[in-house]
Amino acid sequence: MEGTNVEVSLAKGDAATVLLHVARRFAYEIDMLRPGDVQGHTVQHTVRADFESNYLSGTAIAIRPLFYPLGAQKGTGLSDLERVVIADILADCQDVVGWGGHEKQVKESHFQIDVRPGDPGLARLARRLRGEGAAPGSGAGSIDPFLPDRRRKAAAYI
């Protein structure tokens, strides 16, 4: 993963572009990630919540799953300021990414592609993120989620 020493296995293509963007923003805006902090594709067929099945297809990541485990009480993981950043990341991803903090069985470490395969929104978002990543001074690492306009847009995702 660019900007870190972290490697994660994901489905190739647009899903990987988007999920790596989420992880990079977490690393740059919440806390730097270290090897072992991010889990992606797995062949373990045991899932404890339906949404965890997305790890089997490589369309989900868990960022620090030991810190933010499945079933943790809402509001006990991420701080309020970290939640602002997560909300901004979700808003930036235009409803393409779902977050485990919004699930009935909470797992704040979980992020998944939340659209069906072939959804044009995924391709559009991935194309935009690749363009931003290629332009100096834009993309992950250059975003201020606390700007008033960004806070307004992100409010729907808290």
N, C-alpha and C. Protein backbone atom coordinates (compact mmCIF):
# COMPACT_ATOMS: atom_id res chain seq x y z
N MET A 1 0.85 -1.16 0.00
CA MET A 1 0.00 0.00 0.00
C MET A 1 0.90 1.23 0.00
N GLU A 2 0.72 2.06 -0.98
CA GLU A 2 1.54 3.25 -1.16
C GLU A 2 1.55 4.11 0.10
N GLY A 3 2.72 4.57 0.48
CA GLY A 3 2.87 5.44 1.64
C GLY A 3 3.05 4.70 2.96
N THR A 4 3.03 3.37 2.92
CA THR A 4 3.19 2.56 4.14
C THR A 4 4.04 1.34 3.81
N ASN A 5 4.33 0.55 4.82
CA ASN A 5 5.00 -0.74 4.62
C ASN A 5 3.99 -1.88 4.67
N VAL A 6 2.73 -1.57 4.42
CA VAL A 6 1.64 -2.53 4.56
C VAL A 6 1.32 -3.18 3.23
N GLU A 7 1.11 -4.48 3.26
CA GLU A 7 0.64 -5.21 2.09
C GLU A 7 -0.69 -5.85 2.44
N VAL A 8 -1.61 -5.86 1.48
CA VAL A 8 -2.92 -6.47 1.70
C VAL A 8 -3.38 -7.08 0.39
N SER A 9 -4.00 -8.24 0.48
CA SER A 9 -4.50 -8.94 -0.70
C SER A 9 -5.95 -8.55 -0.95
N LEU A 10 -6.24 -8.10 -2.17
CA LEU A 10 -7.58 -7.65 -2.54
C LEU A 10 -7.93 -8.13 -3.94
N ALA A 11 -9.21 -8.03 -4.29
CA ALA A 11 -9.62 -8.26 -5.67
C ALA A 11 -8.93 -7.20 -6.52
N LYS A 12 -8.48 -7.58 -7.69
CA LYS A 12 -7.78 -6.63 -8.57
C LYS A 12 -8.77 -5.61 -9.15
N GLY A 13 -8.24 -4.50 -9.61
CA GLY A 13 -9.05 -3.53 -10.33
C GLY A 13 -9.64 -2.44 -9.46
N ASP A 14 -10.85 -2.03 -9.82
CA ASP A 14 -11.49 -0.88 -9.18
C ASP A 14 -11.70 -1.08 -7.69
N ALA A 15 -12.07 -2.29 -7.27
CA ALA A 15 -12.28 -2.55 -5.84
C ALA A 15 -11.00 -2.28 -5.06
N ALA A 16 -9.88 -2.74 -5.56
CA ALA A 16 -8.60 -2.52 -4.89
C ALA A 16 -8.25 -1.04 -4.86
N THR A 17 -8.47 -0.33 -5.95
CA THR A 17 -8.19 1.11 -6.00
C THR A 17 -8.94 1.83 -4.89
N VAL A 18 -10.22 1.53 -4.75
CA VAL A 18 -11.06 2.22 -3.77
C VAL A 18 -10.68 1.83 -2.34
N LEU A 19 -10.53 0.54 -2.08
CA LEU A 19 -10.21 0.10 -0.72
C LEU A 19 -8.82 0.56 -0.28
N LEU A 20 -7.88 0.59 -1.19
CA LEU A 20 -6.55 1.10 -0.84
C LEU A 20 -6.60 2.60 -0.55
N HIS A 21 -7.46 3.32 -1.25
CA HIS A 21 -7.65 4.75 -0.95
C HIS A 21 -8.18 4.92 0.47
N VAL A 22 -9.16 4.10 0.85
CA VAL A 22 -9.71 4.16 2.21
C VAL A 22 -8.59 3.91 3.23
N ALA A 23 -7.81 2.87 3.02
CA ALA A 23 -6.74 2.53 3.96
C ALA A 23 -5.67 3.62 4.01
N ARG A 24 -5.34 4.19 2.87
CA ARG A 24 -4.33 5.26 2.85
C ARG A 24 -4.83 6.49 3.60
N ARG A 25 -6.10 6.83 3.41
CA ARG A 25 -6.64 7.97 4.16
C ARG A 25 -6.61 7.69 5.65
N PHE A 26 -6.95 6.47 6.05
CA PHE A 26 -6.86 6.10 7.46
C PHE A 26 -5.42 6.31 7.95
N ALA A 27 -4.47 5.82 7.19
CA ALA A 27 -3.06 5.92 7.58
C ALA A 27 -2.60 7.38 7.68
N TYR A 28 -3.00 8.21 6.75
CA TYR A 28 -2.55 9.59 6.73
C TYR A 28 -3.30 10.49 7.72
N GLU A 29 -4.58 10.18 7.96
CA GLU A 29 -5.42 11.11 8.71
C GLU A 29 -5.81 10.64 10.10
N ILE A 30 -5.70 9.35 10.37
CA ILE A 30 -6.03 8.84 11.71
C ILE A 30 -4.76 8.36 12.40
N ASP A 31 -4.10 7.37 11.83
CA ASP A 31 -2.86 6.86 12.43
C ASP A 31 -2.14 6.01 11.40
N MET A 32 -0.82 6.15 11.34
CA MET A 32 -0.02 5.39 10.39
C MET A 32 -0.20 3.90 10.64
N LEU A 33 -0.35 3.16 9.55
CA LEU A 33 -0.54 1.72 9.63
C LEU A 33 0.80 1.00 9.56
N ARG A 34 0.85 -0.14 10.23
CA ARG A 34 2.05 -0.96 10.26
C ARG A 34 1.74 -2.33 9.67
N PRO A 35 2.75 -3.08 9.28
CA PRO A 35 2.50 -4.42 8.75
C PRO A 35 1.61 -5.23 9.71
N GLY A 36 0.62 -5.89 9.15
CA GLY A 36 -0.32 -6.68 9.94
C GLY A 36 -1.57 -5.92 10.37
N ASP A 37 -1.60 -4.59 10.18
CA ASP A 37 -2.76 -3.80 10.59
C ASP A 37 -3.96 -3.93 9.66
N VAL A 38 -3.73 -4.34 8.42
CA VAL A 38 -4.83 -4.40 7.45
C VAL A 38 -4.98 -5.83 6.94
N GLN A 39 -6.20 -6.32 7.00
CA GLN A 39 -6.52 -7.64 6.48
C GLN A 39 -7.49 -7.48 5.32
N GLY A 40 -7.29 -8.29 4.29
CA GLY A 40 -8.15 -8.24 3.12
C GLY A 40 -8.67 -9.61 2.77
N HIS A 41 -8.40 -10.04 1.54
CA HIS A 41 -8.89 -11.33 1.05
C HIS A 41 -8.44 -12.46 1.95
N THR A 42 -9.36 -13.37 2.20
CA THR A 42 -9.05 -14.57 2.98
C THR A 42 -9.76 -15.76 2.35
N VAL A 43 -9.25 -16.94 2.63
CA VAL A 43 -9.92 -18.16 2.17
C VAL A 43 -10.58 -18.88 3.35
N GLN A 44 -10.52 -18.28 4.54
CA GLN A 44 -11.22 -18.83 5.70
C GLN A 44 -12.72 -18.67 5.46
N HIS A 45 -13.43 -19.77 5.50
CA HIS A 45 -14.86 -19.72 5.19
C HIS A 45 -15.73 -19.43 6.41
N THR A 46 -15.11 -19.23 7.55
CA THR A 46 -15.87 -18.92 8.76
C THR A 46 -16.08 -17.41 8.83
N VAL A 47 -17.34 -17.01 8.79
CA VAL A 47 -17.68 -15.60 8.95
C VAL A 47 -18.64 -15.51 10.13
N ARG A 48 -18.45 -14.48 10.94
CA ARG A 48 -19.29 -14.33 12.12
C ARG A 48 -20.43 -13.36 11.89
N ALA A 49 -20.38 -12.60 10.82
CA ALA A 49 -21.46 -11.70 10.42
C ALA A 49 -21.54 -11.77 8.91
N ASP A 50 -22.74 -11.62 8.36
CA ASP A 50 -22.93 -11.76 6.91
C ASP A 50 -21.98 -10.88 6.11
N PHE A 51 -21.77 -9.64 6.56
CA PHE A 51 -20.93 -8.72 5.78
C PHE A 51 -19.48 -9.18 5.71
N GLU A 52 -19.05 -10.03 6.64
CA GLU A 52 -17.67 -10.53 6.60
C GLU A 52 -17.41 -11.45 5.41
N SER A 53 -18.46 -11.93 4.76
CA SER A 53 -18.27 -12.77 3.57
C SER A 53 -17.57 -12.01 2.45
N ASN A 54 -17.58 -10.69 2.50
CA ASN A 54 -16.89 -9.89 1.48
C ASN A 54 -15.38 -10.08 1.51
N TYR A 55 -14.82 -10.56 2.62
CA TYR A 55 -13.39 -10.85 2.65
C TYR A 55 -13.07 -12.02 1.72
N LEU A 56 -14.02 -12.91 1.53
CA LEU A 56 -13.80 -14.08 0.66
C LEU A 56 -13.63 -13.68 -0.80
N SER A 57 -14.23 -12.56 -1.19
CA SER A 57 -14.11 -12.10 -2.58
C SER A 57 -13.05 -11.02 -2.74
N GLY A 58 -12.42 -10.62 -1.65
CA GLY A 58 -11.39 -9.58 -1.74
C GLY A 58 -11.96 -8.19 -1.92
N THR A 59 -13.23 -8.01 -1.54
CA THR A 59 -13.88 -6.71 -1.70
C THR A 59 -14.14 -6.03 -0.36
N ALA A 60 -13.34 -6.39 0.65
CA ALA A 60 -13.45 -5.76 1.97
C ALA A 60 -12.08 -5.77 2.63
N ILE A 61 -11.90 -4.81 3.52
CA ILE A 61 -10.70 -4.77 4.35
C ILE A 61 -11.11 -4.56 5.80
N ALA A 62 -10.26 -5.02 6.68
CA ALA A 62 -10.40 -4.73 8.11
C ALA A 62 -9.12 -4.01 8.52
N ILE A 63 -9.28 -2.80 9.03
CA ILE A 63 -8.15 -2.00 9.49
C ILE A 63 -8.09 -2.11 11.01
N ARG A 64 -7.04 -2.74 11.49
CA ARG A 64 -6.84 -2.98 12.92
C ARG A 64 -8.03 -3.71 13.55
N PRO A 65 -8.36 -4.89 13.05
CA PRO A 65 -9.53 -5.61 13.57
C PRO A 65 -9.43 -5.98 15.04
N LEU A 66 -8.23 -6.07 15.59
CA LEU A 66 -8.12 -6.37 17.03
C LEU A 66 -8.47 -5.15 17.88
N PHE A 67 -8.28 -3.96 17.34
CA PHE A 67 -8.64 -2.73 18.05
C PHE A 67 -10.14 -2.46 17.95
N TYR A 68 -10.72 -2.82 16.81
CA TYR A 68 -12.13 -2.52 16.54
C TYR A 68 -12.83 -3.82 16.12
N PRO A 69 -13.05 -4.73 17.07
CA PRO A 69 -13.55 -6.07 16.73
C PRO A 69 -15.06 -6.11 16.48
N LEU A 70 -15.48 -7.20 15.87
CA LEU A 70 -16.90 -7.46 15.65
C LEU A 70 -17.60 -7.53 17.00
N GLY A 71 -18.73 -6.85 17.10
CA GLY A 71 -19.56 -6.92 18.30
C GLY A 71 -19.19 -5.94 19.39
N ALA A 72 -18.17 -5.12 19.17
CA ALA A 72 -17.82 -4.12 20.18
C ALA A 72 -18.98 -3.15 20.33
N GLN A 73 -19.16 -2.65 21.51
CA GLN A 73 -20.24 -1.71 21.76
C GLN A 73 -20.03 -0.44 20.94
N LYS A 74 -21.10 0.06 20.33
CA LYS A 74 -21.01 1.28 19.53
C LYS A 74 -20.40 2.40 20.35
N GLY A 75 -19.49 3.13 19.74
CA GLY A 75 -18.90 4.28 20.40
C GLY A 75 -17.72 3.96 21.31
N THR A 76 -17.26 2.72 21.33
CA THR A 76 -16.15 2.38 22.21
C THR A 76 -14.82 2.25 21.47
N GLY A 77 -14.83 2.36 20.16
CA GLY A 77 -13.61 2.18 19.37
C GLY A 77 -12.98 3.50 18.98
N LEU A 78 -13.41 4.02 17.87
CA LEU A 78 -12.85 5.25 17.33
C LEU A 78 -13.29 6.45 18.16
N SER A 79 -12.43 7.45 18.24
CA SER A 79 -12.78 8.70 18.93
C SER A 79 -13.74 9.51 18.06
N ASP A 80 -14.32 10.55 18.63
CA ASP A 80 -15.23 11.41 17.87
C ASP A 80 -14.53 12.05 16.67
N LEU A 81 -13.29 12.50 16.86
CA LEU A 81 -12.55 13.12 15.76
C LEU A 81 -12.21 12.09 14.68
N GLU A 82 -11.89 10.87 15.09
CA GLU A 82 -11.62 9.82 14.11
C GLU A 82 -12.89 9.47 13.33
N ARG A 83 -14.04 9.54 13.99
CA ARG A 83 -15.32 9.30 13.30
C ARG A 83 -15.60 10.38 12.25
N VAL A 84 -15.17 11.60 12.52
CA VAL A 84 -15.31 12.68 11.53
C VAL A 84 -14.52 12.31 10.28
N VAL A 85 -13.31 11.81 10.46
CA VAL A 85 -12.48 11.41 9.33
C VAL A 85 -13.14 10.25 8.58
N ILE A 86 -13.63 9.25 9.30
CA ILE A 86 -14.31 8.11 8.65
C ILE A 86 -15.50 8.60 7.86
N ALA A 87 -16.30 9.50 8.44
CA ALA A 87 -17.46 10.03 7.73
C ALA A 87 -17.04 10.75 6.46
N ASP A 88 -15.93 11.49 6.52
CA ASP A 88 -15.44 12.19 5.33
C ASP A 88 -14.97 11.19 4.27
N ILE A 89 -14.31 10.12 4.70
CA ILE A 89 -13.88 9.09 3.75
C ILE A 89 -15.10 8.48 3.07
N LEU A 90 -16.13 8.15 3.84
CA LEU A 90 -17.34 7.56 3.26
C LEU A 90 -18.02 8.53 2.30
N ALA A 91 -18.10 9.80 2.68
CA ALA A 91 -18.69 10.81 1.78
C ALA A 91 -17.87 10.93 0.50
N ASP A 92 -16.55 10.92 0.65
CA ASP A 92 -15.64 11.00 -0.50
C ASP A 92 -15.85 9.81 -1.45
N CYS A 93 -16.25 8.68 -0.89
CA CYS A 93 -16.45 7.47 -1.70
C CYS A 93 -17.87 7.35 -2.26
N GLN A 94 -18.69 8.35 -2.06
CA GLN A 94 -19.98 8.49 -2.76
C GLN A 94 -20.86 7.24 -2.70
N ASP A 95 -21.06 6.69 -1.51
CA ASP A 95 -21.93 5.53 -1.28
C ASP A 95 -21.43 4.23 -1.92
N VAL A 96 -20.21 4.21 -2.39
CA VAL A 96 -19.63 2.98 -2.95
C VAL A 96 -19.05 2.11 -1.83
N VAL A 97 -18.62 2.73 -0.74
CA VAL A 97 -18.00 2.01 0.37
C VAL A 97 -18.95 2.00 1.57
N GLY A 98 -19.10 0.82 2.17
CA GLY A 98 -19.85 0.69 3.41
C GLY A 98 -18.89 0.50 4.56
N TRP A 99 -19.34 0.86 5.75
CA TRP A 99 -18.51 0.80 6.95
C TRP A 99 -19.16 -0.06 8.01
N GLY A 100 -18.37 -0.88 8.65
CA GLY A 100 -18.87 -1.77 9.70
C GLY A 100 -19.39 -1.06 10.93
N GLY A 101 -19.07 0.21 11.11
CA GLY A 101 -19.62 0.98 12.22
C GLY A 101 -21.09 1.27 12.05
N HIS A 102 -21.60 1.10 10.82
CA HIS A 102 -23.02 1.30 10.54
C HIS A 102 -23.81 -0.01 10.55
N GLU A 103 -23.13 -1.12 10.74
CA GLU A 103 -23.79 -2.42 10.72
C GLU A 103 -24.48 -2.70 12.06
N LYS A 104 -25.49 -3.57 12.00
CA LYS A 104 -26.19 -3.96 13.24
C LYS A 104 -25.21 -4.60 14.21
N GLN A 105 -24.38 -5.51 13.71
CA GLN A 105 -23.26 -6.05 14.49
C GLN A 105 -22.06 -5.18 14.17
N VAL A 106 -21.75 -4.26 15.04
CA VAL A 106 -20.71 -3.26 14.79
C VAL A 106 -19.33 -3.90 14.62
N LYS A 107 -18.61 -3.41 13.61
CA LYS A 107 -17.19 -3.75 13.42
C LYS A 107 -16.54 -2.54 12.76
N GLU A 108 -16.06 -1.62 13.59
CA GLU A 108 -15.54 -0.35 13.09
C GLU A 108 -14.30 -0.50 12.22
N SER A 109 -13.67 -1.65 12.24
CA SER A 109 -12.48 -1.88 11.41
C SER A 109 -12.85 -2.25 9.98
N HIS A 110 -14.11 -2.54 9.72
CA HIS A 110 -14.55 -3.12 8.45
C HIS A 110 -14.97 -2.05 7.43
N PHE A 111 -14.43 -2.17 6.21
CA PHE A 111 -14.84 -1.34 5.07
C PHE A 111 -15.03 -2.27 3.89
N GLN A 112 -16.11 -2.08 3.15
CA GLN A 112 -16.38 -2.98 2.02
C GLN A 112 -16.91 -2.21 0.83
N ILE A 113 -16.72 -2.81 -0.34
CA ILE A 113 -17.37 -2.29 -1.54
C ILE A 113 -18.85 -2.60 -1.37
N ASP A 114 -19.67 -1.57 -1.41
CA ASP A 114 -21.08 -1.71 -1.03
C ASP A 114 -22.02 -1.62 -2.23
N VAL A 115 -21.49 -1.86 -3.41
CA VAL A 115 -22.31 -1.88 -4.63
C VAL A 115 -22.10 -3.21 -5.33
N ARG A 116 -23.03 -3.54 -6.20
CA ARG A 116 -22.94 -4.81 -6.94
C ARG A 116 -21.81 -4.76 -7.97
N PRO A 117 -21.28 -5.93 -8.33
CA PRO A 117 -20.27 -5.97 -9.40
C PRO A 117 -20.81 -5.30 -10.67
N GLY A 118 -19.96 -4.52 -11.30
CA GLY A 118 -20.35 -3.84 -12.53
C GLY A 118 -21.06 -2.52 -12.31
N ASP A 119 -21.29 -2.13 -11.07
CA ASP A 119 -21.96 -0.85 -10.79
C ASP A 119 -21.10 0.28 -11.36
N PRO A 120 -21.70 1.18 -12.15
CA PRO A 120 -20.91 2.25 -12.76
C PRO A 120 -20.32 3.22 -11.73
N GLY A 121 -20.92 3.31 -10.55
CA GLY A 121 -20.39 4.20 -9.52
C GLY A 121 -19.02 3.77 -9.04
N LEU A 122 -18.78 2.45 -8.97
CA LEU A 122 -17.47 1.94 -8.56
C LEU A 122 -16.42 2.33 -9.59
N ALA A 123 -16.70 2.11 -10.85
CA ALA A 123 -15.74 2.46 -11.91
C ALA A 123 -15.48 3.96 -11.94
N ARG A 124 -16.53 4.75 -11.77
CA ARG A 124 -16.39 6.21 -11.79
C ARG A 124 -15.52 6.68 -10.62
N LEU A 125 -15.78 6.15 -9.43
CA LEU A 125 -14.99 6.53 -8.25
C LEU A 125 -13.53 6.11 -8.42
N ALA A 126 -13.30 4.89 -8.86
CA ALA A 126 -11.92 4.41 -9.04
C ALA A 126 -11.17 5.26 -10.06
N ARG A 127 -11.84 5.64 -11.13
CA ARG A 127 -11.22 6.50 -12.15
C ARG A 127 -10.84 7.85 -11.54
N ARG A 128 -11.75 8.43 -10.75
CA ARG A 128 -11.47 9.72 -10.10
C ARG A 128 -10.29 9.59 -9.13
N LEU A 129 -10.28 8.52 -8.34
CA LEU A 129 -9.20 8.34 -7.36
C LEU A 129 -7.85 8.13 -8.05
N ARG A 130 -7.84 7.38 -9.15
CA ARG A 130 -6.58 7.19 -9.88
C ARG A 130 -6.09 8.52 -10.43
N GLY A 131 -6.99 9.36 -10.92
CA GLY A 131 -6.61 10.68 -11.42
C GLY A 131 -6.06 11.57 -10.33
N GLU A 132 -6.72 11.55 -9.16
CA GLU A 132 -6.24 12.35 -8.03
C GLU A 132 -4.88 11.86 -7.56
N GLY A 133 -4.70 10.56 -7.55
CA GLY A 133 -3.43 9.99 -7.10
C GLY A 133 -2.27 10.34 -8.00
N ALA A 134 -2.56 10.61 -9.26
CA ALA A 134 -1.52 10.94 -10.22
C ALA A 134 -1.17 12.43 -10.21
N ALA A 135 -2.04 13.25 -9.63
CA ALA A 135 -1.82 14.70 -9.62
C ALA A 135 -1.13 15.10 -8.32
N PRO A 136 0.00 15.79 -8.41
CA PRO A 136 0.69 16.23 -7.20
C PRO A 136 -0.21 17.11 -6.33
N GLY A 137 -0.19 16.87 -5.02
CA GLY A 137 -0.95 17.70 -4.09
C GLY A 137 -2.42 17.38 -4.02
N SER A 138 -2.84 16.24 -4.55
CA SER A 138 -4.25 15.87 -4.44
C SER A 138 -4.35 14.40 -4.04
N GLY A 139 -5.54 13.98 -3.68
CA GLY A 139 -5.76 12.60 -3.27
C GLY A 139 -5.45 12.36 -1.81
N ALA A 140 -5.37 11.08 -1.43
CA ALA A 140 -5.10 10.70 -0.03
C ALA A 140 -3.83 11.39 0.45
N GLY A 141 -3.90 11.93 1.64
CA GLY A 141 -2.75 12.64 2.21
C GLY A 141 -2.81 14.13 2.03
N SER A 142 -3.72 14.61 1.19
CA SER A 142 -3.82 16.05 0.95
C SER A 142 -5.19 16.61 1.36
N ILE A 143 -6.02 15.78 1.96
CA ILE A 143 -7.40 16.14 2.26
C ILE A 143 -7.51 16.62 3.70
N ASP A 144 -8.25 17.71 3.92
CA ASP A 144 -8.53 18.19 5.26
C ASP A 144 -10.01 17.93 5.56
N PRO A 145 -10.32 16.84 6.27
CA PRO A 145 -11.71 16.49 6.51
C PRO A 145 -12.43 17.45 7.46
N PHE A 146 -11.71 18.40 8.04
CA PHE A 146 -12.32 19.31 9.00
C PHE A 146 -12.72 20.66 8.39
N LEU A 147 -12.53 20.82 7.09
CA LEU A 147 -13.00 22.03 6.42
C LEU A 147 -14.53 22.07 6.51
N PRO A 148 -15.12 23.24 6.72
CA PRO A 148 -16.58 23.32 6.91
C PRO A 148 -17.40 22.65 5.80
N ASP A 149 -17.02 22.86 4.55
CA ASP A 149 -17.78 22.26 3.45
C ASP A 149 -17.71 20.74 3.49
N ARG A 150 -16.55 20.21 3.80
CA ARG A 150 -16.40 18.75 3.90
C ARG A 150 -17.18 18.21 5.09
N ARG A 151 -17.17 18.93 6.22
CA ARG A 151 -17.93 18.50 7.41
C ARG A 151 -19.42 18.42 7.10
N ARG A 152 -19.93 19.40 6.34
CA ARG A 152 -21.36 19.38 5.97
C ARG A 152 -21.69 18.16 5.13
N LYS A 153 -20.85 17.87 4.14
CA LYS A 153 -21.09 16.71 3.27
C LYS A 153 -20.97 15.40 4.04
N ALA A 154 -20.06 15.35 4.99
CA ALA A 154 -19.81 14.12 5.75
C ALA A 154 -20.84 13.88 6.85
N ALA A 155 -21.59 14.91 7.23
CA ALA A 155 -22.52 14.79 8.35
C ALA A 155 -23.51 13.64 8.17
N ALA A 156 -23.89 13.35 6.95
CA ALA A 156 -24.85 12.28 6.68
C ALA A 156 -24.26 10.89 6.92
N TYR A 157 -22.95 10.80 7.07
CA TYR A 157 -22.28 9.51 7.19
C TYR A 157 -21.81 9.20 8.62
N ILE A 158 -22.09 10.08 9.56
CA ILE A 158 -21.66 9.85 10.95
C ILE A 158 -22.61 8.88 11.63
